Every structure is written in structure tokens, then in C-alpha cells.
Amino acid sequence: VHPEMPEAVLLVRVGLEVEVLRIGLGAHAFI
């Protein structure tokens, strides 16, 4: 893990669980 690296994240509930998924900047703009 490199804490200083920027990331984009998708958070979505699947059933009763929340998924935390790293996504690219293009995916972030798209979503």
C-alpha cells in the first residue's frame, strides 16, 4: 500500500454486504 497514491473507489451494496472496489479514473468519470 502506498498511502499517498490517489485512488478512485466504487462503493456498492451487494445484498447485505458493502463492497469497496478500486476503480480507474476513467471508470470514475463514466460511472
PDB file of all heavy atoms in Angstrom:
ATOM      1  N   VAL A   1       0.841  -1.196   0.000  1.00  0.00           N
ATOM      2  CA  VAL A   1       0.000   0.000   0.000  1.00  0.00           C
ATOM      3  C   VAL A   1       0.876   1.246   0.000  1.00  0.00           C
ATOM      4  O   VAL A   1       1.821   1.356   0.781  1.00  0.00           O
ATOM      5  CB  VAL A   1      -0.936   0.013   1.229  1.00  0.00           C
ATOM      6  CG1 VAL A   1      -1.745   1.304   1.277  1.00  0.00           C
ATOM      7  CG2 VAL A   1      -1.851  -1.201   1.222  1.00  0.00           C
ATOM      8  N   HIS A   2       0.562   2.156  -0.890  1.00  0.00           N
ATOM      9  CA  HIS A   2       1.254   3.446  -0.967  1.00  0.00           C
ATOM     10  C   HIS A   2       0.219   4.520  -0.643  1.00  0.00           C
ATOM     11  O   HIS A   2      -0.495   4.988  -1.540  1.00  0.00           O
ATOM     12  CB  HIS A   2       1.871   3.648  -2.352  1.00  0.00           C
ATOM     13  CG  HIS A   2       2.805   2.543  -2.722  1.00  0.00           C
ATOM     14  ND1 HIS A   2       4.074   2.448  -2.211  1.00  0.00           N
ATOM     15  CD2 HIS A   2       2.626   1.456  -3.517  1.00  0.00           C
ATOM     16  CE1 HIS A   2       4.656   1.367  -2.690  1.00  0.00           C
ATOM     17  NE2 HIS A   2       3.800   0.744  -3.485  1.00  0.00           N
ATOM     18  N   PRO A   3       0.116   4.915   0.625  1.00  0.00           N
ATOM     19  CA  PRO A   3      -0.963   5.807   1.068  1.00  0.00           C
ATOM     20  C   PRO A   3      -1.076   7.118   0.291  1.00  0.00           C
ATOM     21  O   PRO A   3      -2.163   7.660   0.150  1.00  0.00           O
ATOM     22  CB  PRO A   3      -0.621   6.094   2.530  1.00  0.00           C
ATOM     23  CG  PRO A   3       0.248   4.961   2.948  1.00  0.00           C
ATOM     24  CD  PRO A   3       1.004   4.544   1.717  1.00  0.00           C
ATOM     25  N   GLU A   4       0.017   7.615  -0.253  1.00  0.00           N
ATOM     26  CA  GLU A   4      -0.003   8.910  -0.942  1.00  0.00           C
ATOM     27  C   GLU A   4      -0.492   8.821  -2.386  1.00  0.00           C
ATOM     28  O   GLU A   4      -0.651   9.841  -3.052  1.00  0.00           O
ATOM     29  CB  GLU A   4       1.385   9.544  -0.907  1.00  0.00           C
ATOM     30  CG  GLU A   4       2.427   8.837  -1.752  1.00  0.00           C
ATOM     31  CD  GLU A   4       2.943   7.495  -1.227  1.00  0.00           C
ATOM     32  OE1 GLU A   4       2.678   7.143  -0.055  1.00  0.00           O
ATOM     33  OE2 GLU A   4       3.599   6.789  -2.008  1.00  0.00           O
ATOM     34  N   MET A   5      -0.793   7.616  -2.869  1.00  0.00           N
ATOM     35  CA  MET A   5      -1.253   7.441  -4.250  1.00  0.00           C
ATOM     36  C   MET A   5      -2.758   7.712  -4.339  1.00  0.00           C
ATOM     37  O   MET A   5      -3.539   7.148  -3.588  1.00  0.00           O
ATOM     38  CB  MET A   5      -0.971   6.016  -4.728  1.00  0.00           C
ATOM     39  CG  MET A   5       0.502   5.675  -4.812  1.00  0.00           C
ATOM     40  SD  MET A   5       1.397   6.650  -6.019  1.00  0.00           S
ATOM     41  CE  MET A   5       0.670   6.072  -7.507  1.00  0.00           C
ATOM     42  N   PRO A   6      -3.171   8.574  -5.263  1.00  0.00           N
ATOM     43  CA  PRO A   6      -4.610   8.842  -5.427  1.00  0.00           C
ATOM     44  C   PRO A   6      -5.342   7.622  -5.966  1.00  0.00           C
ATOM     45  O   PRO A   6      -4.785   6.838  -6.734  1.00  0.00           O
ATOM     46  CB  PRO A   6      -4.655   9.991  -6.424  1.00  0.00           C
ATOM     47  CG  PRO A   6      -3.288  10.191  -6.928  1.00  0.00           C
ATOM     48  CD  PRO A   6      -2.339   9.353  -6.155  1.00  0.00           C
ATOM     49  N   GLU A   7      -6.576   7.455  -5.521  1.00  0.00           N
ATOM     50  CA  GLU A   7      -7.408   6.346  -5.987  1.00  0.00           C
ATOM     51  C   GLU A   7      -8.852   6.802  -6.148  1.00  0.00           C
ATOM     52  O   GLU A   7      -9.304   7.736  -5.487  1.00  0.00           O
ATOM     53  CB  GLU A   7      -7.386   5.176  -4.995  1.00  0.00           C
ATOM     54  CG  GLU A   7      -6.097   4.430  -4.959  1.00  0.00           C
ATOM     55  CD  GLU A   7      -6.115   3.225  -4.043  1.00  0.00           C
ATOM     56  OE1 GLU A   7      -7.051   3.068  -3.228  1.00  0.00           O
ATOM     57  OE2 GLU A   7      -5.177   2.436  -4.137  1.00  0.00           O
ATOM     58  N   ALA A   8      -9.549   6.108  -7.018  1.00  0.00           N
ATOM     59  CA  ALA A   8     -10.991   6.266  -7.160  1.00  0.00           C
ATOM     60  C   ALA A   8     -11.628   4.975  -6.655  1.00  0.00           C
ATOM     61  O   ALA A   8     -11.057   3.891  -6.799  1.00  0.00           O
ATOM     62  CB  ALA A   8     -11.364   6.525  -8.612  1.00  0.00           C
ATOM     63  N   VAL A   9     -12.799   5.104  -6.049  1.00  0.00           N
ATOM     64  CA  VAL A   9     -13.426   3.976  -5.369  1.00  0.00           C
ATOM     65  C   VAL A   9     -14.906   3.896  -5.726  1.00  0.00           C
ATOM     66  O   VAL A   9     -15.594   4.916  -5.794  1.00  0.00           O
ATOM     67  CB  VAL A   9     -13.291   4.130  -3.837  1.00  0.00           C
ATOM     68  CG1 VAL A   9     -13.885   2.947  -3.105  1.00  0.00           C
ATOM     69  CG2 VAL A   9     -11.850   4.325  -3.437  1.00  0.00           C
ATOM     70  N   LEU A  10     -15.355   2.666  -5.932  1.00  0.00           N
ATOM     71  CA  LEU A  10     -16.772   2.373  -6.100  1.00  0.00           C
ATOM     72  C   LEU A  10     -17.218   1.657  -4.830  1.00  0.00           C
ATOM     73  O   LEU A  10     -16.604   0.675  -4.415  1.00  0.00           O
ATOM     74  CB  LEU A  10     -16.998   1.475  -7.316  1.00  0.00           C
ATOM     75  CG  LEU A  10     -18.392   0.890  -7.493  1.00  0.00           C
ATOM     76  CD1 LEU A  10     -19.388   1.984  -7.846  1.00  0.00           C
ATOM     77  CD2 LEU A  10     -18.392  -0.189  -8.559  1.00  0.00           C
ATOM     78  N   LEU A  11     -18.260   2.171  -4.225  1.00  0.00           N
ATOM     79  CA  LEU A  11     -18.863   1.539  -3.048  1.00  0.00           C
ATOM     80  C   LEU A  11     -20.262   1.107  -3.457  1.00  0.00           C
ATOM     81  O   LEU A  11     -21.054   1.932  -3.930  1.00  0.00           O
ATOM     82  CB  LEU A  11     -18.956   2.520  -1.882  1.00  0.00           C
ATOM     83  CG  LEU A  11     -17.618   3.077  -1.437  1.00  0.00           C
ATOM     84  CD1 LEU A  11     -17.753   4.515  -1.015  1.00  0.00           C
ATOM     85  CD2 LEU A  11     -17.067   2.238  -0.329  1.00  0.00           C
ATOM     86  N   VAL A  12     -20.551  -0.173  -3.287  1.00  0.00           N
ATOM     87  CA  VAL A  12     -21.868  -0.670  -3.681  1.00  0.00           C
ATOM     88  C   VAL A  12     -22.295  -1.768  -2.719  1.00  0.00           C
ATOM     89  O   VAL A  12     -21.477  -2.576  -2.278  1.00  0.00           O
ATOM     90  CB  VAL A  12     -21.875  -1.153  -5.152  1.00  0.00           C
ATOM     91  CG1 VAL A  12     -20.963  -2.327  -5.366  1.00  0.00           C
ATOM     92  CG2 VAL A  12     -23.278  -1.449  -5.634  1.00  0.00           C
ATOM     93  N   ARG A  13     -23.576  -1.751  -2.389  1.00  0.00           N
ATOM     94  CA  ARG A  13     -24.113  -2.783  -1.505  1.00  0.00           C
ATOM     95  C   ARG A  13     -24.546  -3.962  -2.357  1.00  0.00           C
ATOM     96  O   ARG A  13     -25.320  -3.807  -3.297  1.00  0.00           O
ATOM     97  CB  ARG A  13     -25.291  -2.229  -0.709  1.00  0.00           C
ATOM     98  CG  ARG A  13     -25.751  -3.208   0.371  1.00  0.00           C
ATOM     99  CD  ARG A  13     -26.952  -2.701   1.110  1.00  0.00           C
ATOM    100  NE  ARG A  13     -28.094  -2.849   0.212  1.00  0.00           N
ATOM    101  CZ  ARG A  13     -29.076  -1.981   0.102  1.00  0.00           C
ATOM    102  NH1 ARG A  13     -29.069  -0.876   0.782  1.00  0.00           N
ATOM    103  NH2 ARG A  13     -30.082  -2.204  -0.730  1.00  0.00           N
ATOM    104  N   VAL A  14     -24.037  -5.120  -2.026  1.00  0.00           N
ATOM    105  CA  VAL A  14     -24.430  -6.368  -2.684  1.00  0.00           C
ATOM    106  C   VAL A  14     -25.086  -7.211  -1.606  1.00  0.00           C
ATOM    107  O   VAL A  14     -24.409  -7.695  -0.702  1.00  0.00           O
ATOM    108  CB  VAL A  14     -23.217  -7.097  -3.300  1.00  0.00           C
ATOM    109  CG1 VAL A  14     -23.649  -8.397  -3.945  1.00  0.00           C
ATOM    110  CG2 VAL A  14     -22.502  -6.195  -4.298  1.00  0.00           C
ATOM    111  N   GLY A  15     -26.399  -7.328  -1.672  1.00  0.00           N
ATOM    112  CA  GLY A  15     -27.127  -7.996  -0.595  1.00  0.00           C
ATOM    113  C   GLY A  15     -27.002  -7.163   0.664  1.00  0.00           C
ATOM    114  O   GLY A  15     -27.323  -5.981   0.671  1.00  0.00           O
ATOM    115  N   LEU A  16     -26.464  -7.760   1.706  1.00  0.00           N
ATOM    116  CA  LEU A  16     -26.274  -7.041   2.969  1.00  0.00           C
ATOM    117  C   LEU A  16     -24.827  -6.599   3.174  1.00  0.00           C
ATOM    118  O   LEU A  16     -24.498  -6.040   4.204  1.00  0.00           O
ATOM    119  CB  LEU A  16     -26.724  -7.915   4.142  1.00  0.00           C
ATOM    120  CG  LEU A  16     -28.205  -8.284   4.145  1.00  0.00           C
ATOM    121  CD1 LEU A  16     -28.521  -9.230   5.297  1.00  0.00           C
ATOM    122  CD2 LEU A  16     -29.075  -7.049   4.208  1.00  0.00           C
ATOM    123  N   GLU A  17     -23.989  -6.861   2.194  1.00  0.00           N
ATOM    124  CA  GLU A  17     -22.573  -6.506   2.287  1.00  0.00           C
ATOM    125  C   GLU A  17     -22.258  -5.290   1.425  1.00  0.00           C
ATOM    126  O   GLU A  17     -22.835  -5.112   0.362  1.00  0.00           O
ATOM    127  CB  GLU A  17     -21.700  -7.681   1.825  1.00  0.00           C
ATOM    128  CG  GLU A  17     -21.878  -8.949   2.634  1.00  0.00           C
ATOM    129  CD  GLU A  17     -21.395  -8.809   4.057  1.00  0.00           C
ATOM    130  OE1 GLU A  17     -20.349  -8.151   4.268  1.00  0.00           O
ATOM    131  OE2 GLU A  17     -22.062  -9.352   4.961  1.00  0.00           O
ATOM    132  N   VAL A  18     -21.325  -4.485   1.880  1.00  0.00           N
ATOM    133  CA  VAL A  18     -20.847  -3.348   1.098  1.00  0.00           C
ATOM    134  C   VAL A  18     -19.495  -3.713   0.506  1.00  0.00           C
ATOM    135  O   VAL A  18     -18.603  -4.167   1.224  1.00  0.00           O
ATOM    136  CB  VAL A  18     -20.722  -2.079   1.969  1.00  0.00           C
ATOM    137  CG1 VAL A  18     -20.111  -0.938   1.165  1.00  0.00           C
ATOM    138  CG2 VAL A  18     -22.091  -1.675   2.514  1.00  0.00           C
ATOM    139  N   GLU A  19     -19.374  -3.550  -0.795  1.00  0.00           N
ATOM    140  CA  GLU A  19     -18.108  -3.803  -1.477  1.00  0.00           C
ATOM    141  C   GLU A  19     -17.394  -2.483  -1.693  1.00  0.00           C
ATOM    142  O   GLU A  19     -18.004  -1.484  -2.081  1.00  0.00           O
ATOM    143  CB  GLU A  19     -18.330  -4.493  -2.824  1.00  0.00           C
ATOM    144  CG  GLU A  19     -18.774  -5.925  -2.692  1.00  0.00           C
ATOM    145  CD  GLU A  19     -18.735  -6.660  -4.011  1.00  0.00           C
ATOM    146  OE1 GLU A  19     -17.944  -6.280  -4.907  1.00  0.00           O
ATOM    147  OE2 GLU A  19     -19.493  -7.621  -4.141  1.00  0.00           O
ATOM    148  N   VAL A  20     -16.104  -2.481  -1.424  1.00  0.00           N
ATOM    149  CA  VAL A  20     -15.235  -1.326  -1.644  1.00  0.00           C
ATOM    150  C   VAL A  20     -14.275  -1.739  -2.750  1.00  0.00           C
ATOM    151  O   VAL A  20     -13.422  -2.598  -2.541  1.00  0.00           O
ATOM    152  CB  VAL A  20     -14.463  -0.951  -0.356  1.00  0.00           C
ATOM    153  CG1 VAL A  20     -13.540   0.222  -0.608  1.00  0.00           C
ATOM    154  CG2 VAL A  20     -15.437  -0.664   0.789  1.00  0.00           C
ATOM    155  N   LEU A  21     -14.443  -1.141  -3.937  1.00  0.00           N
ATOM    156  CA  LEU A  21     -13.673  -1.564  -5.101  1.00  0.00           C
ATOM    157  C   LEU A  21     -12.885  -0.393  -5.678  1.00  0.00           C
ATOM    158  O   LEU A  21     -13.457   0.671  -5.951  1.00  0.00           O
ATOM    159  CB  LEU A  21     -14.617  -2.114  -6.174  1.00  0.00           C
ATOM    160  CG  LEU A  21     -15.545  -3.239  -5.716  1.00  0.00           C
ATOM    161  CD1 LEU A  21     -16.647  -3.463  -6.728  1.00  0.00           C
ATOM    162  CD2 LEU A  21     -14.750  -4.507  -5.485  1.00  0.00           C
ATOM    163  N   ARG A  22     -11.601  -0.604  -5.862  1.00  0.00           N
ATOM    164  CA  ARG A  22     -10.780   0.422  -6.506  1.00  0.00           C
ATOM    165  C   ARG A  22     -11.084   0.409  -7.999  1.00  0.00           C
ATOM    166  O   ARG A  22     -11.149  -0.651  -8.616  1.00  0.00           O
ATOM    167  CB  ARG A  22      -9.303   0.151  -6.259  1.00  0.00           C
ATOM    168  CG  ARG A  22      -8.415   1.256  -6.779  1.00  0.00           C
ATOM    169  CD  ARG A  22      -6.999   1.040  -6.375  1.00  0.00           C
ATOM    170  NE  ARG A  22      -6.543  -0.240  -6.913  1.00  0.00           N
ATOM    171  CZ  ARG A  22      -5.280  -0.549  -7.088  1.00  0.00           C
ATOM    172  NH1 ARG A  22      -4.347   0.298  -6.753  1.00  0.00           N
ATOM    173  NH2 ARG A  22      -4.937  -1.716  -7.572  1.00  0.00           N
ATOM    174  N   ILE A  23     -11.300   1.591  -8.561  1.00  0.00           N
ATOM    175  CA  ILE A  23     -11.584   1.714  -9.993  1.00  0.00           C
ATOM    176  C   ILE A  23     -10.644   2.759 -10.582  1.00  0.00           C
ATOM    177  O   ILE A  23     -10.078   3.573  -9.853  1.00  0.00           O
ATOM    178  CB  ILE A  23     -13.058   2.100 -10.258  1.00  0.00           C
ATOM    179  CG1 ILE A  23     -13.420   3.417  -9.564  1.00  0.00           C
ATOM    180  CG2 ILE A  23     -13.992   0.974  -9.836  1.00  0.00           C
ATOM    181  CD1 ILE A  23     -14.818   3.928  -9.893  1.00  0.00           C
ATOM    182  N   GLY A  24     -10.489   2.727 -11.883  1.00  0.00           N
ATOM    183  CA  GLY A  24      -9.652   3.713 -12.561  1.00  0.00           C
ATOM    184  C   GLY A  24     -10.362   5.056 -12.669  1.00  0.00           C
ATOM    185  O   GLY A  24     -11.573   5.174 -12.463  1.00  0.00           O
ATOM    186  N   LEU A  25      -9.589   6.072 -13.036  1.00  0.00           N
ATOM    187  CA  LEU A  25     -10.163   7.409 -13.163  1.00  0.00           C
ATOM    188  C   LEU A  25     -11.167   7.490 -14.309  1.00  0.00           C
ATOM    189  O   LEU A  25     -12.156   8.224 -14.229  1.00  0.00           O
ATOM    190  CB  LEU A  25      -9.059   8.444 -13.332  1.00  0.00           C
ATOM    191  CG  LEU A  25      -8.116   8.581 -12.130  1.00  0.00           C
ATOM    192  CD1 LEU A  25      -7.052   9.632 -12.412  1.00  0.00           C
ATOM    193  CD2 LEU A  25      -8.879   8.898 -10.863  1.00  0.00           C
ATOM    194  N   GLY A  26     -10.940   6.724 -15.375  1.00  0.00           N
ATOM    195  CA  GLY A  26     -11.907   6.676 -16.466  1.00  0.00           C
ATOM    196  C   GLY A  26     -13.221   6.061 -16.001  1.00  0.00           C
ATOM    197  O   GLY A  26     -14.297   6.573 -16.315  1.00  0.00           O
ATOM    198  N   ALA A  27     -13.134   4.972 -15.256  1.00  0.00           N
ATOM    199  CA  ALA A  27     -14.344   4.332 -14.722  1.00  0.00           C
ATOM    200  C   ALA A  27     -15.075   5.283 -13.789  1.00  0.00           C
ATOM    201  O   ALA A  27     -16.309   5.352 -13.794  1.00  0.00           O
ATOM    202  CB  ALA A  27     -13.982   3.041 -14.004  1.00  0.00           C
ATOM    203  N   HIS A  28     -14.320   6.036 -12.989  1.00  0.00           N
ATOM    204  CA  HIS A  28     -14.935   7.013 -12.089  1.00  0.00           C
ATOM    205  C   HIS A  28     -15.722   8.055 -12.889  1.00  0.00           C
ATOM    206  O   HIS A  28     -16.875   8.372 -12.576  1.00  0.00           O
ATOM    207  CB  HIS A  28     -13.869   7.685 -11.229  1.00  0.00           C
ATOM    208  CG  HIS A  28     -14.417   8.706 -10.294  1.00  0.00           C
ATOM    209  ND1 HIS A  28     -14.606  10.018 -10.660  1.00  0.00           N
ATOM    210  CD2 HIS A  28     -14.834   8.600  -9.018  1.00  0.00           C
ATOM    211  CE1 HIS A  28     -15.109  10.684  -9.646  1.00  0.00           C
ATOM    212  NE2 HIS A  28     -15.263   9.845  -8.630  1.00  0.00           N
ATOM    213  N   ALA A  29     -15.126   8.580 -13.951  1.00  0.00           N
ATOM    214  CA  ALA A  29     -15.808   9.575 -14.785  1.00  0.00           C
ATOM    215  C   ALA A  29     -17.048   8.971 -15.454  1.00  0.00           C
ATOM    216  O   ALA A  29     -18.099   9.606 -15.525  1.00  0.00           O
ATOM    217  CB  ALA A  29     -14.849  10.121 -15.841  1.00  0.00           C
ATOM    218  N   PHE A  30     -16.922   7.740 -15.932  1.00  0.00           N
ATOM    219  CA  PHE A  30     -18.026   7.044 -16.592  1.00  0.00           C
ATOM    220  C   PHE A  30     -19.199   6.844 -15.636  1.00  0.00           C
ATOM    221  O   PHE A  30     -20.337   7.210 -15.939  1.00  0.00           O
ATOM    222  CB  PHE A  30     -17.514   5.698 -17.116  1.00  0.00           C
ATOM    223  CG  PHE A  30     -18.528   4.871 -17.844  1.00  0.00           C
ATOM    224  CD1 PHE A  30     -19.016   5.267 -19.082  1.00  0.00           C
ATOM    225  CD2 PHE A  30     -18.967   3.673 -17.317  1.00  0.00           C
ATOM    226  CE1 PHE A  30     -19.941   4.485 -19.778  1.00  0.00           C
ATOM    227  CE2 PHE A  30     -19.882   2.878 -17.999  1.00  0.00           C
ATOM    228  CZ  PHE A  30     -20.368   3.292 -19.231  1.00  0.00           C
ATOM    229  N   ILE A  31     -18.924   6.272 -14.479  1.00  0.00           N
ATOM    230  CA  ILE A  31     -19.983   5.994 -13.508  1.00  0.00           C
ATOM    231  C   ILE A  31     -20.573   7.292 -12.961  1.00  0.00           C
ATOM    232  O   ILE A  31     -21.781   7.382 -12.742  1.00  0.00           O
ATOM    233  CB  ILE A  31     -19.459   5.068 -12.393  1.00  0.00           C
ATOM    234  CG1 ILE A  31     -19.073   3.709 -12.996  1.00  0.00           C
ATOM    235  CG2 ILE A  31     -20.501   4.892 -11.288  1.00  0.00           C
ATOM    236  CD1 ILE A  31     -18.291   2.794 -12.069  1.00  0.00           C
TER     237      ILE A  31
END
